[in-house]
Amino acid sequence: MKTTFRKKNTRPDPELLRLKAELLEAQGDLAQAYRQFNQALDPELVESCIYQISAVKARCNFLIRSIKERSPDAAAAAGMKGDAAWT
């Protein structure tokens, strides 16, 4: 006797999709903040870039935790371990 497994016909969670899209945007913001940091010459601009990097990292960590809470199986499959993914 052959056993077949069917995948549940579930619709993607719109909130989870929004969080993932926001995380991708935040990762782009982080890359931009690092580019600005690498080009900054004035000490005040360097300090500003450091604060910006720190803020975007905190946002990314929040989004990663939120994604994990909404979909722990998806987070495990994606290899997201630990809350401080950007530190």
N, C-alpha and C. Protein backbone atom coordinates (compact mmCIF):
# COMPACT_ATOMS: atom_id res chain seq x y z
N MET A 1 0.84 -1.18 0.00
CA MET A 1 0.00 0.00 0.00
C MET A 1 0.89 1.24 0.00
N LYS A 2 0.61 2.15 -0.89
CA LYS A 2 1.42 3.35 -1.04
C LYS A 2 0.77 4.49 -0.25
N THR A 3 1.59 5.14 0.57
CA THR A 3 1.11 6.26 1.35
C THR A 3 1.47 7.56 0.64
N THR A 4 0.51 8.44 0.52
CA THR A 4 0.79 9.74 -0.10
C THR A 4 0.52 10.83 0.92
N PHE A 5 1.34 11.82 0.87
CA PHE A 5 1.19 12.96 1.75
C PHE A 5 0.83 14.17 0.91
N ARG A 6 -0.16 14.87 1.37
CA ARG A 6 -0.57 16.07 0.66
C ARG A 6 -0.17 17.30 1.46
N LYS A 7 0.26 18.27 0.73
CA LYS A 7 0.60 19.53 1.35
C LYS A 7 -0.70 20.29 1.63
N LYS A 8 -0.79 20.90 2.76
CA LYS A 8 -1.97 21.67 3.09
C LYS A 8 -2.10 22.83 2.11
N ASN A 9 -3.29 23.08 1.71
CA ASN A 9 -3.55 24.23 0.84
C ASN A 9 -3.73 25.46 1.71
N THR A 10 -2.64 25.99 2.19
CA THR A 10 -2.72 27.16 3.04
C THR A 10 -2.25 28.38 2.26
N ARG A 11 -2.91 29.45 2.53
CA ARG A 11 -2.51 30.71 1.91
C ARG A 11 -1.39 31.33 2.73
N PRO A 12 -0.50 32.02 2.07
CA PRO A 12 0.59 32.64 2.82
C PRO A 12 0.04 33.71 3.77
N ASP A 13 0.63 33.80 4.92
CA ASP A 13 0.25 34.79 5.92
C ASP A 13 0.65 36.17 5.40
N PRO A 14 -0.32 37.07 5.18
CA PRO A 14 0.03 38.39 4.64
C PRO A 14 0.94 39.19 5.57
N GLU A 15 0.76 39.01 6.87
CA GLU A 15 1.63 39.72 7.82
C GLU A 15 3.06 39.20 7.73
N LEU A 16 3.21 37.89 7.57
CA LEU A 16 4.54 37.30 7.42
C LEU A 16 5.21 37.80 6.14
N LEU A 17 4.45 37.87 5.08
CA LEU A 17 5.00 38.39 3.82
C LEU A 17 5.43 39.85 3.96
N ARG A 18 4.63 40.63 4.68
CA ARG A 18 4.97 42.04 4.90
C ARG A 18 6.25 42.17 5.72
N LEU A 19 6.36 41.33 6.77
CA LEU A 19 7.56 41.37 7.60
C LEU A 19 8.81 40.99 6.80
N LYS A 20 8.68 39.99 5.95
CA LYS A 20 9.83 39.57 5.13
C LYS A 20 10.22 40.67 4.14
N ALA A 21 9.23 41.33 3.56
CA ALA A 21 9.53 42.42 2.62
C ALA A 21 10.20 43.57 3.36
N GLU A 22 9.73 43.85 4.57
CA GLU A 22 10.32 44.93 5.36
C GLU A 22 11.75 44.58 5.77
N LEU A 23 12.00 43.29 6.05
CA LEU A 23 13.36 42.86 6.39
C LEU A 23 14.30 43.05 5.20
N LEU A 24 13.83 42.70 4.01
CA LEU A 24 14.67 42.91 2.82
C LEU A 24 14.99 44.39 2.63
N GLU A 25 14.00 45.23 2.86
CA GLU A 25 14.21 46.68 2.75
C GLU A 25 15.22 47.15 3.80
N ALA A 26 15.07 46.64 5.02
CA ALA A 26 15.99 47.03 6.10
C ALA A 26 17.41 46.56 5.80
N GLN A 27 17.56 45.39 5.19
CA GLN A 27 18.90 44.90 4.82
C GLN A 27 19.52 45.83 3.78
N GLY A 28 18.71 46.32 2.86
CA GLY A 28 19.20 47.29 1.89
C GLY A 28 19.61 48.60 2.55
N ASP A 29 18.80 49.02 3.54
CA ASP A 29 19.14 50.23 4.30
C ASP A 29 20.45 50.06 5.06
N LEU A 30 20.67 48.86 5.58
CA LEU A 30 21.91 48.58 6.31
C LEU A 30 23.12 48.65 5.38
N ALA A 31 22.98 48.08 4.20
CA ALA A 31 24.07 48.14 3.22
C ALA A 31 24.37 49.59 2.85
N GLN A 32 23.31 50.39 2.68
CA GLN A 32 23.49 51.80 2.35
C GLN A 32 24.17 52.55 3.50
N ALA A 33 23.78 52.25 4.73
CA ALA A 33 24.39 52.90 5.89
C ALA A 33 25.88 52.57 5.98
N TYR A 34 26.25 51.32 5.68
CA TYR A 34 27.67 50.95 5.69
C TYR A 34 28.43 51.67 4.56
N ARG A 35 27.81 51.81 3.39
CA ARG A 35 28.47 52.55 2.30
C ARG A 35 28.72 53.99 2.70
N GLN A 36 27.72 54.61 3.33
CA GLN A 36 27.88 55.99 3.78
C GLN A 36 28.98 56.09 4.83
N PHE A 37 29.01 55.12 5.74
CA PHE A 37 30.04 55.11 6.78
C PHE A 37 31.43 55.03 6.16
N ASN A 38 31.58 54.17 5.16
CA ASN A 38 32.88 53.99 4.52
C ASN A 38 33.35 55.23 3.77
N GLN A 39 32.43 56.10 3.41
CA GLN A 39 32.80 57.30 2.66
C GLN A 39 32.85 58.56 3.51
N ALA A 40 32.38 58.47 4.75
CA ALA A 40 32.31 59.65 5.62
C ALA A 40 33.71 60.05 6.08
N LEU A 41 33.97 61.34 6.02
CA LEU A 41 35.27 61.86 6.44
C LEU A 41 35.15 62.72 7.70
N ASP A 42 34.10 63.46 7.81
CA ASP A 42 33.89 64.35 8.95
C ASP A 42 33.53 63.52 10.18
N PRO A 43 34.13 63.80 11.32
CA PRO A 43 33.84 63.02 12.53
C PRO A 43 32.36 63.00 12.91
N GLU A 44 31.66 64.10 12.70
CA GLU A 44 30.23 64.13 13.01
C GLU A 44 29.44 63.23 12.08
N LEU A 45 29.85 63.18 10.82
CA LEU A 45 29.18 62.28 9.87
C LEU A 45 29.46 60.82 10.20
N VAL A 46 30.68 60.53 10.62
CA VAL A 46 31.03 59.17 11.03
C VAL A 46 30.15 58.75 12.20
N GLU A 47 30.02 59.63 13.19
CA GLU A 47 29.19 59.33 14.35
C GLU A 47 27.73 59.13 13.95
N SER A 48 27.25 59.96 13.06
CA SER A 48 25.88 59.83 12.56
C SER A 48 25.68 58.49 11.86
N CYS A 49 26.65 58.08 11.06
CA CYS A 49 26.56 56.79 10.36
C CYS A 49 26.55 55.62 11.35
N ILE A 50 27.34 55.74 12.41
CA ILE A 50 27.37 54.68 13.43
C ILE A 50 26.00 54.54 14.08
N TYR A 51 25.37 55.66 14.41
CA TYR A 51 24.03 55.61 15.00
C TYR A 51 23.02 55.01 14.01
N GLN A 52 23.14 55.39 12.75
CA GLN A 52 22.24 54.87 11.72
C GLN A 52 22.40 53.35 11.59
N ILE A 53 23.63 52.88 11.56
CA ILE A 53 23.89 51.43 11.46
C ILE A 53 23.29 50.71 12.66
N SER A 54 23.48 51.28 13.84
CA SER A 54 22.95 50.67 15.06
C SER A 54 21.43 50.60 15.02
N ALA A 55 20.79 51.67 14.56
CA ALA A 55 19.33 51.70 14.49
C ALA A 55 18.80 50.68 13.49
N VAL A 56 19.44 50.58 12.34
CA VAL A 56 18.97 49.63 11.32
C VAL A 56 19.20 48.19 11.78
N LYS A 57 20.30 47.94 12.47
CA LYS A 57 20.55 46.60 13.02
C LYS A 57 19.46 46.22 14.01
N ALA A 58 19.08 47.16 14.86
CA ALA A 58 18.01 46.90 15.84
C ALA A 58 16.70 46.60 15.12
N ARG A 59 16.43 47.33 14.05
CA ARG A 59 15.21 47.08 13.26
C ARG A 59 15.25 45.70 12.63
N CYS A 60 16.40 45.32 12.08
CA CYS A 60 16.54 43.99 11.47
C CYS A 60 16.34 42.90 12.51
N ASN A 61 16.92 43.07 13.69
CA ASN A 61 16.76 42.07 14.75
C ASN A 61 15.31 41.95 15.17
N PHE A 62 14.61 43.08 15.28
CA PHE A 62 13.19 43.06 15.62
C PHE A 62 12.40 42.30 14.56
N LEU A 63 12.67 42.59 13.30
CA LEU A 63 11.94 41.93 12.22
C LEU A 63 12.23 40.43 12.18
N ILE A 64 13.46 40.04 12.41
CA ILE A 64 13.82 38.62 12.43
C ILE A 64 13.07 37.91 13.56
N ARG A 65 13.04 38.54 14.75
CA ARG A 65 12.29 37.94 15.87
C ARG A 65 10.81 37.84 15.54
N SER A 66 10.26 38.87 14.91
CA SER A 66 8.83 38.85 14.55
C SER A 66 8.54 37.75 13.54
N ILE A 67 9.42 37.58 12.58
CA ILE A 67 9.25 36.51 11.57
C ILE A 67 9.31 35.15 12.26
N LYS A 68 10.25 34.99 13.17
CA LYS A 68 10.37 33.71 13.88
C LYS A 68 9.11 33.41 14.69
N GLU A 69 8.56 34.43 15.33
CA GLU A 69 7.36 34.24 16.14
C GLU A 69 6.16 33.84 15.29
N ARG A 70 6.07 34.40 14.09
CA ARG A 70 4.94 34.09 13.21
C ARG A 70 5.11 32.75 12.51
N SER A 71 6.35 32.35 12.29
CA SER A 71 6.60 31.12 11.55
C SER A 71 7.88 30.46 12.03
N PRO A 72 7.85 29.78 13.18
CA PRO A 72 9.09 29.17 13.69
C PRO A 72 9.65 28.11 12.75
N ASP A 73 8.79 27.38 12.02
CA ASP A 73 9.28 26.36 11.09
C ASP A 73 10.03 27.00 9.93
N ALA A 74 9.51 28.10 9.41
CA ALA A 74 10.15 28.78 8.29
C ALA A 74 11.49 29.38 8.73
N ALA A 75 11.54 29.90 9.94
CA ALA A 75 12.78 30.48 10.44
C ALA A 75 13.85 29.40 10.59
N ALA A 76 13.46 28.23 11.08
CA ALA A 76 14.42 27.14 11.25
C ALA A 76 14.92 26.65 9.89
N ALA A 77 14.01 26.57 8.93
CA ALA A 77 14.39 26.12 7.59
C ALA A 77 15.32 27.11 6.91
N ALA A 78 15.15 28.39 7.22
CA ALA A 78 15.99 29.42 6.61
C ALA A 78 17.34 29.54 7.29
N GLY A 79 17.51 28.83 8.41
CA GLY A 79 18.79 28.87 9.11
C GLY A 79 18.97 30.08 9.99
N MET A 80 17.89 30.73 10.36
CA MET A 80 17.98 31.90 11.23
C MET A 80 18.09 31.42 12.67
N LYS A 81 19.28 31.55 13.23
CA LYS A 81 19.49 31.13 14.61
C LYS A 81 20.01 32.32 15.39
N GLY A 82 19.52 32.47 16.60
CA GLY A 82 19.96 33.56 17.46
C GLY A 82 19.28 34.86 17.09
N ASP A 83 19.00 35.68 18.10
CA ASP A 83 18.31 36.94 17.87
C ASP A 83 19.23 38.01 17.31
N ALA A 84 20.49 37.98 17.65
CA ALA A 84 21.40 39.02 17.23
C ALA A 84 22.08 38.62 15.92
N ALA A 85 21.33 38.65 14.86
CA ALA A 85 21.85 38.21 13.56
C ALA A 85 22.82 39.23 12.96
N TRP A 86 22.80 40.45 13.44
CA TRP A 86 23.61 41.50 12.82
C TRP A 86 24.70 42.01 13.72
N THR A 87 24.91 41.36 14.87
CA THR A 87 25.93 41.88 15.77
C THR A 87 27.23 41.14 15.61
